[in-house]
């Protein structure tokens, strides 16, 4: 029986198609946007058709991949209505715990969460001291 060299079959097209599909599967497996437990696969289909004399055969080669689908992206946003204009407004905050520009005050002595730390300047400290006589640094009050 004559051996079939799959590297040379159809002028090397089968090998090229398989190699391309193989790397598609590998890239899909490394993509963090796909599920890690999903099974991937490669299917090679070679279909043959012949003439009536049965002396000429055509082969169609198809290589298909089964890849893991991309996981859906998730986000969250606040929706409200502008009381002056009546227009709907929204602010996306996604996976962050606060809406941009807002700050969460800690509960149970946890740390302050904020988008940015703003240090008080000397003028703010002086004005506060003159009004009440006491300056409270909330950062120190809530961290122990």
Protein backbone atom coordinates (compact mmCIF):
# COMPACT_ATOMS: atom_id res chain seq x y z
CA UNK A 1 0.00 0.00 0.00
CA UNK A 2 1.33 3.42 -0.97
CA UNK A 3 1.77 5.82 1.97
CA UNK A 4 0.16 9.26 1.85
CA UNK A 5 2.46 12.09 2.89
CA UNK A 6 0.12 14.57 4.60
CA UNK A 7 2.84 17.26 4.44
CA UNK A 8 2.75 17.07 0.64
CA UNK A 9 -0.94 16.21 0.13
CA UNK A 10 -2.66 18.76 -2.16
CA UNK A 11 0.63 20.58 -2.60
CA UNK A 12 1.02 21.12 1.15
CA UNK A 13 -2.36 22.86 1.51
CA UNK A 14 -3.63 20.36 4.10
CA UNK A 15 -0.56 20.92 6.27
CA UNK A 16 -0.82 24.72 5.92
CA UNK A 17 -4.54 24.75 6.79
CA UNK A 18 -3.96 22.50 9.80
CA UNK A 19 -1.04 24.63 11.05
CA UNK A 20 -3.13 27.82 10.73
CA UNK A 21 -6.04 26.19 12.59
CA UNK A 22 -3.70 24.85 15.28
CA UNK A 23 -2.35 28.34 16.01
CA UNK A 24 -5.88 29.78 16.04
CA UNK A 25 -6.75 27.28 18.76
CA UNK A 26 -3.60 28.11 20.73
CA UNK A 27 -4.25 31.86 20.52
CA UNK A 28 -7.85 31.31 21.61
CA UNK A 29 -6.66 29.26 24.59
CA UNK A 30 -4.29 32.06 25.64
CA UNK A 31 -6.91 34.80 25.24
CA UNK A 32 -7.95 35.95 28.74
CA UNK A 33 -11.29 37.05 27.27
CA UNK A 34 -12.34 33.43 26.66
CA UNK A 35 -13.33 30.76 29.16
CA UNK A 36 -10.47 28.59 30.37
CA UNK A 37 -12.61 25.44 30.76
CA UNK A 38 -14.08 25.51 27.23
CA UNK A 39 -12.95 22.74 24.89
CA UNK A 40 -11.50 23.70 21.52
CA UNK A 41 -11.19 21.48 18.48
CA UNK A 42 -9.96 21.09 14.91
CA UNK A 43 -11.91 19.10 12.33
CA UNK A 44 -10.30 18.07 9.03
CA UNK A 45 -12.78 17.06 6.35
CA UNK A 46 -11.63 15.68 3.01
CA UNK A 47 -14.46 14.91 0.60
CA UNK A 48 -13.90 13.00 -2.61
CA UNK A 49 -15.86 13.07 -5.85
CA UNK A 50 -15.14 11.09 -9.05
CA UNK A 51 -16.13 11.09 -12.68
CA UNK A 52 -18.28 8.42 -14.30
CA UNK A 53 -15.26 6.47 -15.51
CA UNK A 54 -13.90 6.43 -11.96
CA UNK A 55 -10.47 7.42 -13.15
CA UNK A 56 -10.42 11.07 -12.05
CA UNK A 57 -10.96 12.05 -8.41
CA UNK A 58 -11.34 15.52 -6.94
CA UNK A 59 -10.65 16.13 -3.27
CA UNK A 60 -12.03 19.09 -1.35
CA UNK A 61 -10.16 19.88 1.84
CA UNK A 62 -11.75 21.82 4.70
CA UNK A 63 -10.22 22.50 8.09
CA UNK A 64 -12.56 23.95 10.71
CA UNK A 65 -11.87 25.12 14.22
CA UNK A 66 -14.15 25.13 17.23
CA UNK A 67 -13.02 28.00 19.47
CA UNK A 68 -14.24 29.21 22.84
CA UNK A 69 -16.47 32.27 22.54
CA UNK A 70 -15.33 35.62 23.87
CA UNK A 71 -16.74 36.24 27.34
CA UNK A 72 -19.18 39.14 27.65
CA UNK A 73 -17.82 42.39 29.08
CA UNK A 74 -19.57 43.85 32.10
CA UNK A 75 -19.87 47.37 33.41
CA UNK A 76 -22.13 49.43 35.61
CA UNK A 77 -23.36 52.98 35.38
CA UNK A 78 -25.49 55.41 37.32
CA UNK A 79 -28.51 56.82 35.48
CA UNK A 80 -30.43 59.94 36.43
CA UNK A 81 -32.23 62.95 35.06
CA UNK A 82 -30.87 66.49 34.85
CA UNK A 83 -33.41 68.45 36.89
CA UNK A 84 -32.72 71.68 34.97
CA UNK A 85 -32.98 70.35 31.40
CA UNK A 86 -34.92 67.12 31.87
CA UNK A 87 -32.28 65.23 29.86
CA UNK A 88 -31.22 61.76 30.88
CA UNK A 89 -27.65 61.62 32.17
CA UNK A 90 -25.40 58.70 33.03
CA UNK A 91 -21.98 58.07 34.52
CA UNK A 92 -20.17 54.78 34.02
CA UNK A 93 -18.25 53.42 36.97
CA UNK A 94 -17.75 49.80 35.86
CA UNK A 95 -15.76 47.70 38.29
CA UNK A 96 -14.65 50.65 40.40
CA UNK A 97 -16.31 51.06 43.75
CA UNK A 98 -17.02 54.77 43.33
CA UNK A 99 -18.34 57.11 40.69
CA UNK A 100 -15.62 59.37 39.30
CA UNK A 101 -15.23 62.49 41.44
CA UNK A 102 -16.87 60.96 44.50
CA UNK A 103 -15.35 59.48 47.58
CA UNK A 104 -16.46 56.60 49.80
CA UNK A 105 -16.22 57.11 53.52
CA UNK A 106 -14.94 54.10 55.40
CA UNK A 107 -17.00 51.81 57.57
CA UNK A 108 -15.55 49.83 60.44
CA UNK A 109 -12.22 51.66 60.40
CA UNK A 110 -11.41 50.73 56.78
CA UNK A 111 -9.29 53.00 54.58
CA UNK A 112 -10.67 55.92 52.57
CA UNK A 113 -11.26 55.12 48.88
CA UNK A 114 -10.89 57.99 46.43
CA UNK A 115 -9.89 58.54 42.80
CA UNK A 116 -7.14 60.96 43.83
CA UNK A 117 -5.57 62.27 47.02
CA UNK A 118 -5.81 66.00 47.49
CA UNK A 119 -3.43 67.43 50.01
CA UNK A 120 -4.69 70.56 51.78
CA UNK A 121 -2.60 73.62 51.09
CA UNK A 122 -1.34 75.93 53.84
CA UNK A 123 -4.13 78.49 53.23
CA UNK A 124 -6.86 75.88 53.81
CA UNK A 125 -5.26 74.75 57.05
CA UNK A 126 -4.84 78.33 58.30
CA UNK A 127 -8.45 79.31 57.48
CA UNK A 128 -9.83 76.15 59.12
CA UNK A 129 -7.70 76.67 62.21
CA UNK A 130 -8.85 80.29 62.58
CA UNK A 131 -12.56 79.39 62.30
CA UNK A 132 -12.78 76.44 64.65
CA UNK A 133 -9.39 76.31 66.26
CA UNK A 134 -9.14 72.56 65.48
CA UNK A 135 -8.03 70.84 62.29
CA UNK A 136 -9.21 67.26 61.79
CA UNK A 137 -7.20 65.07 59.42
CA UNK A 138 -9.69 62.37 58.40
CA UNK A 139 -7.00 60.26 56.82
CA UNK A 140 -5.33 59.79 60.20
CA UNK A 141 -8.67 59.42 61.99
CA UNK A 142 -9.66 56.37 59.95
CA UNK A 143 -6.36 54.53 59.60
CA UNK A 144 -4.82 52.75 62.52
